[in-house]
Amino acid sequence: MLQDVLAEPQWPGLLTPADRRGLTPLFWGHVRPYSVRLDMGSRLEIGGLG
């Protein structure tokens, strides 16, 4: 939907580079790069090493 609005002829002249950078978080704010939550405070036990 946002792409359709920004395709209208009046927008290219109105948006500054800072405005365009501000749009980026809108597209990626909902994405989780991993399917599980990572616990960075603990280590994984990997067997067979040592």
N, C-alpha and C. Protein backbone atom coordinates (compact mmCIF):
# COMPACT_ATOMS: atom_id res chain seq x y z
N MET A 1 0.83 -1.19 0.00
CA MET A 1 0.00 0.00 0.00
C MET A 1 0.88 1.26 0.00
N LEU A 2 1.92 1.25 0.82
CA LEU A 2 2.82 2.40 0.86
C LEU A 2 3.51 2.61 -0.48
N GLN A 3 3.86 1.52 -1.12
CA GLN A 3 4.51 1.59 -2.43
C GLN A 3 3.58 2.25 -3.45
N ASP A 4 2.31 1.95 -3.38
CA ASP A 4 1.34 2.56 -4.30
C ASP A 4 1.23 4.06 -4.07
N VAL A 5 1.23 4.47 -2.81
CA VAL A 5 1.14 5.89 -2.49
C VAL A 5 2.39 6.62 -2.97
N LEU A 6 3.56 6.04 -2.71
CA LEU A 6 4.81 6.69 -3.11
C LEU A 6 5.01 6.72 -4.62
N ALA A 7 4.28 5.92 -5.36
CA ALA A 7 4.36 5.92 -6.82
C ALA A 7 3.61 7.10 -7.44
N GLU A 8 2.81 7.79 -6.65
CA GLU A 8 2.07 8.95 -7.17
C GLU A 8 3.06 10.07 -7.52
N PRO A 9 2.77 10.84 -8.56
CA PRO A 9 3.74 11.81 -9.11
C PRO A 9 4.17 12.92 -8.15
N GLN A 10 3.39 13.27 -7.17
CA GLN A 10 3.77 14.40 -6.30
C GLN A 10 4.82 14.03 -5.26
N TRP A 11 5.02 12.76 -4.95
CA TRP A 11 5.91 12.36 -3.86
C TRP A 11 7.40 12.51 -4.13
N PRO A 12 7.90 12.21 -5.32
CA PRO A 12 9.36 12.34 -5.51
C PRO A 12 9.91 13.72 -5.17
N GLY A 13 9.17 14.77 -5.45
CA GLY A 13 9.63 16.12 -5.15
C GLY A 13 9.47 16.51 -3.70
N LEU A 14 8.68 15.78 -2.94
CA LEU A 14 8.43 16.13 -1.55
C LEU A 14 9.34 15.43 -0.55
N LEU A 15 9.75 14.21 -0.87
CA LEU A 15 10.55 13.43 0.08
C LEU A 15 12.04 13.77 -0.03
N THR A 16 12.64 14.06 1.11
CA THR A 16 14.08 14.29 1.16
C THR A 16 14.78 12.96 1.41
N PRO A 17 16.10 12.90 1.25
CA PRO A 17 16.81 11.66 1.58
C PRO A 17 16.57 11.21 3.03
N ALA A 18 16.47 12.15 3.95
CA ALA A 18 16.20 11.81 5.35
C ALA A 18 14.81 11.18 5.50
N ASP A 19 13.85 11.67 4.73
CA ASP A 19 12.50 11.09 4.76
C ASP A 19 12.53 9.64 4.27
N ARG A 20 13.27 9.40 3.21
CA ARG A 20 13.36 8.04 2.67
C ARG A 20 14.04 7.10 3.65
N ARG A 21 15.08 7.57 4.33
CA ARG A 21 15.75 6.74 5.34
C ARG A 21 14.80 6.42 6.48
N GLY A 22 13.92 7.32 6.81
CA GLY A 22 12.96 7.11 7.88
C GLY A 22 11.93 6.04 7.55
N LEU A 23 11.71 5.77 6.27
CA LEU A 23 10.76 4.74 5.87
C LEU A 23 11.29 3.33 6.08
N THR A 24 12.61 3.16 6.04
CA THR A 24 13.20 1.82 6.13
C THR A 24 12.77 1.04 7.37
N PRO A 25 12.78 1.61 8.58
CA PRO A 25 12.36 0.83 9.75
C PRO A 25 10.92 0.33 9.67
N LEU A 26 10.08 1.02 8.92
CA LEU A 26 8.70 0.57 8.77
C LEU A 26 8.63 -0.80 8.12
N PHE A 27 9.54 -1.06 7.19
CA PHE A 27 9.51 -2.31 6.45
C PHE A 27 10.14 -3.46 7.22
N TRP A 28 11.06 -3.16 8.14
CA TRP A 28 11.81 -4.22 8.82
C TRP A 28 11.48 -4.34 10.29
N GLY A 29 10.63 -3.50 10.84
CA GLY A 29 10.33 -3.53 12.27
C GLY A 29 9.65 -4.80 12.74
N HIS A 30 8.96 -5.50 11.87
CA HIS A 30 8.22 -6.70 12.25
C HIS A 30 8.99 -7.99 12.00
N VAL A 31 10.19 -7.90 11.41
CA VAL A 31 10.94 -9.10 11.01
C VAL A 31 11.84 -9.56 12.16
N ARG A 32 11.73 -10.84 12.49
CA ARG A 32 12.65 -11.45 13.44
C ARG A 32 13.58 -12.35 12.65
N PRO A 33 14.90 -12.10 12.73
CA PRO A 33 15.82 -12.88 11.89
C PRO A 33 15.94 -14.34 12.30
N TYR A 34 15.49 -14.70 13.48
CA TYR A 34 15.57 -16.08 13.94
C TYR A 34 14.18 -16.53 14.37
N SER A 35 13.92 -17.82 14.26
CA SER A 35 12.60 -18.31 14.65
C SER A 35 12.47 -18.51 16.15
N VAL A 36 13.58 -18.42 16.87
CA VAL A 36 13.57 -18.55 18.33
C VAL A 36 14.26 -17.34 18.92
N ARG A 37 14.00 -17.10 20.18
CA ARG A 37 14.70 -16.01 20.87
C ARG A 37 16.08 -16.52 21.29
N LEU A 38 17.08 -15.71 21.06
CA LEU A 38 18.43 -16.09 21.42
C LEU A 38 18.75 -15.62 22.82
N ASP A 39 19.33 -16.51 23.63
CA ASP A 39 19.78 -16.16 24.97
C ASP A 39 21.29 -15.95 24.89
N MET A 40 21.71 -14.71 24.77
CA MET A 40 23.12 -14.41 24.59
C MET A 40 23.89 -14.49 25.91
N GLY A 41 23.18 -14.73 27.03
CA GLY A 41 23.84 -14.83 28.32
C GLY A 41 24.28 -16.24 28.67
N SER A 42 23.94 -17.21 27.85
CA SER A 42 24.35 -18.60 28.13
C SER A 42 25.05 -19.18 26.92
N ARG A 43 25.80 -20.26 27.16
CA ARG A 43 26.52 -20.91 26.08
C ARG A 43 25.85 -22.23 25.74
N LEU A 44 25.96 -22.63 24.49
CA LEU A 44 25.45 -23.92 24.06
C LEU A 44 26.46 -25.01 24.39
N GLU A 45 25.99 -26.14 24.87
CA GLU A 45 26.87 -27.27 25.11
C GLU A 45 26.98 -28.07 23.82
N ILE A 46 28.17 -28.13 23.29
CA ILE A 46 28.39 -28.84 22.04
C ILE A 46 29.20 -30.10 22.36
N GLY A 47 28.60 -31.26 22.15
CA GLY A 47 29.28 -32.51 22.46
C GLY A 47 30.29 -32.90 21.40
N GLY A 48 31.25 -33.74 21.81
CA GLY A 48 32.23 -34.26 20.86
C GLY A 48 33.45 -33.38 20.69
N LEU A 49 33.50 -32.27 21.37
CA LEU A 49 34.70 -31.42 21.27
C LEU A 49 35.54 -31.60 22.52
N GLY A 50 36.81 -31.78 22.33
CA GLY A 50 37.71 -31.86 23.48
C GLY A 50 38.09 -33.19 23.79
